Amino acid sequence: MTSQTVPTAWPAEALYRFLTIVGATVDIVPQPAGGLPGQHAAVCRGCDADYTYAVGVSYDLKKWAQGHSETCRALPRPTT
């Protein structure tokens, strides 16, 4: 079996990035303005699942991102 990996540019706002088993990513990013100060989220760029944590980048946030990346089978979204 062969696999194909399409390199994607690392978004400027991504603090951490986890690769899923099919090539999508789970990014840990700061929440936009209007959220709580210091709030971060992990967002899957394949299936759009997310996990938000209100106090910085916690161990739980990283653990969720890594765990999701190990099981998510949603393909990366195409770029235009």
C-alpha atoms as a PDB file:
ATOM      1  CA  MET A   1       0.000   0.000   0.000  1.00  0.00           C
ATOM      2  CA  THR A   2       1.306   3.435  -0.852  1.00  0.00           C
ATOM      3  CA  SER A   3       0.421   6.641   0.853  1.00  0.00           C
ATOM      4  CA  GLN A   4       0.509  10.159  -0.425  1.00  0.00           C
ATOM      5  CA  THR A   5       1.144  13.101   1.817  1.00  0.00           C
ATOM      6  CA  VAL A   6       0.335  16.563   0.584  1.00  0.00           C
ATOM      7  CA  PRO A   7       2.379  19.158   2.457  1.00  0.00           C
ATOM      8  CA  THR A   8       0.319  21.997   3.854  1.00  0.00           C
ATOM      9  CA  ALA A   9       1.562  25.337   5.031  1.00  0.00           C
ATOM     10  CA  TRP A  10       1.642  25.700   8.796  1.00  0.00           C
ATOM     11  CA  PRO A  11      -0.882  28.465   9.670  1.00  0.00           C
ATOM     12  CA  ALA A  12       0.662  31.423  11.460  1.00  0.00           C
ATOM     13  CA  GLU A  13      -1.785  31.081  14.369  1.00  0.00           C
ATOM     14  CA  ALA A  14      -1.105  27.367  14.991  1.00  0.00           C
ATOM     15  CA  LEU A  15       0.926  26.861  18.159  1.00  0.00           C
ATOM     16  CA  TYR A  16       0.999  23.047  17.903  1.00  0.00           C
ATOM     17  CA  ARG A  17       0.064  20.692  15.077  1.00  0.00           C
ATOM     18  CA  PHE A  18      -0.764  16.984  15.165  1.00  0.00           C
ATOM     19  CA  LEU A  19      -0.981  14.883  11.991  1.00  0.00           C
ATOM     20  CA  THR A  20      -3.953  12.517  11.654  1.00  0.00           C
ATOM     21  CA  ILE A  21      -3.576   9.014  10.284  1.00  0.00           C
ATOM     22  CA  VAL A  22      -4.875  10.093   6.854  1.00  0.00           C
ATOM     23  CA  GLY A  23      -3.045  13.399   6.497  1.00  0.00           C
ATOM     24  CA  ALA A  24      -5.356  16.035   7.995  1.00  0.00           C
ATOM     25  CA  THR A  25      -4.120  18.048  10.969  1.00  0.00           C
ATOM     26  CA  VAL A  26      -5.338  18.958  14.427  1.00  0.00           C
ATOM     27  CA  ASP A  27      -4.123  22.466  15.256  1.00  0.00           C
ATOM     28  CA  ILE A  28      -3.953  24.187  18.631  1.00  0.00           C
ATOM     29  CA  VAL A  29      -4.735  27.846  18.069  1.00  0.00           C
ATOM     30  CA  PRO A  30      -5.575  30.909  20.170  1.00  0.00           C
ATOM     31  CA  GLN A  31      -9.233  31.827  20.156  1.00  0.00           C
ATOM     32  CA  PRO A  32     -10.183  34.962  18.237  1.00  0.00           C
ATOM     33  CA  ALA A  33     -10.862  38.286  19.906  1.00  0.00           C
ATOM     34  CA  GLY A  34     -13.992  38.259  21.990  1.00  0.00           C
ATOM     35  CA  GLY A  35     -13.156  34.969  23.676  1.00  0.00           C
ATOM     36  CA  LEU A  36     -11.796  34.685  27.167  1.00  0.00           C
ATOM     37  CA  PRO A  37      -8.246  36.008  27.639  1.00  0.00           C
ATOM     38  CA  GLY A  38      -5.729  33.231  27.080  1.00  0.00           C
ATOM     39  CA  GLN A  39      -8.326  30.852  25.644  1.00  0.00           C
ATOM     40  CA  HIS A  40      -7.082  28.236  23.161  1.00  0.00           C
ATOM     41  CA  ALA A  41      -8.721  25.487  21.131  1.00  0.00           C
ATOM     42  CA  ALA A  42      -7.739  22.331  19.291  1.00  0.00           C
ATOM     43  CA  VAL A  43      -9.416  22.142  15.883  1.00  0.00           C
ATOM     44  CA  CYS A  44      -9.417  19.190  13.490  1.00  0.00           C
ATOM     45  CA  ARG A  45      -8.940  20.381   9.905  1.00  0.00           C
ATOM     46  CA  GLY A  46     -10.529  17.171   8.606  1.00  0.00           C
ATOM     47  CA  CYS A  47     -13.794  16.633  10.496  1.00  0.00           C
ATOM     48  CA  ASP A  48     -14.054  20.043  12.236  1.00  0.00           C
ATOM     49  CA  ALA A  49     -14.183  18.509  15.729  1.00  0.00           C
ATOM     50  CA  ASP A  50     -12.881  20.903  18.348  1.00  0.00           C
ATOM     51  CA  TYR A  51     -12.018  21.167  22.005  1.00  0.00           C
ATOM     52  CA  THR A  52     -11.825  24.524  23.773  1.00  0.00           C
ATOM     53  CA  TYR A  53      -9.994  25.203  26.988  1.00  0.00           C
ATOM     54  CA  ALA A  54     -10.132  28.554  28.763  1.00  0.00           C
ATOM     55  CA  VAL A  55      -6.748  28.672  30.503  1.00  0.00           C
ATOM     56  CA  GLY A  56      -3.858  28.634  28.044  1.00  0.00           C
ATOM     57  CA  VAL A  57      -2.521  25.522  26.361  1.00  0.00           C
ATOM     58  CA  SER A  58      -3.145  22.815  28.926  1.00  0.00           C
ATOM     59  CA  TYR A  59      -2.102  19.204  29.137  1.00  0.00           C
ATOM     60  CA  ASP A  60      -5.764  18.214  28.584  1.00  0.00           C
ATOM     61  CA  LEU A  61      -5.923  20.255  25.375  1.00  0.00           C
ATOM     62  CA  LYS A  62      -2.757  18.646  23.979  1.00  0.00           C
ATOM     63  CA  LYS A  63      -3.937  15.196  25.095  1.00  0.00           C
ATOM     64  CA  TRP A  64      -7.279  15.667  23.293  1.00  0.00           C
ATOM     65  CA  ALA A  65      -5.530  16.896  20.121  1.00  0.00           C
ATOM     66  CA  GLN A  66      -3.127  13.972  20.043  1.00  0.00           C
ATOM     67  CA  GLY A  67      -5.836  11.420  20.839  1.00  0.00           C
ATOM     68  CA  HIS A  68      -8.120  12.790  18.133  1.00  0.00           C
ATOM     69  CA  SER A  69      -5.298  12.819  15.582  1.00  0.00           C
ATOM     70  CA  GLU A  70      -4.608   9.144  16.276  1.00  0.00           C
ATOM     71  CA  THR A  71      -8.176   8.079  15.460  1.00  0.00           C
ATOM     72  CA  CYS A  72      -9.675  10.604  13.013  1.00  0.00           C
ATOM     73  CA  ARG A  73     -10.091   9.283   9.497  1.00  0.00           C
ATOM     74  CA  ALA A  74     -11.545  12.425   7.896  1.00  0.00           C
ATOM     75  CA  LEU A  75      -9.559  13.438   4.833  1.00  0.00           C
ATOM     76  CA  PRO A  76      -7.861  16.814   4.729  1.00  0.00           C
ATOM     77  CA  ARG A  77     -10.065  19.529   3.244  1.00  0.00           C
ATOM     78  CA  PRO A  78      -8.979  20.583  -0.235  1.00  0.00           C
ATOM     79  CA  THR A  79      -7.319  23.947  -0.641  1.00  0.00           C
ATOM     80  CA  THR A  80      -8.323  26.285  -3.425  1.00  0.00           C
END
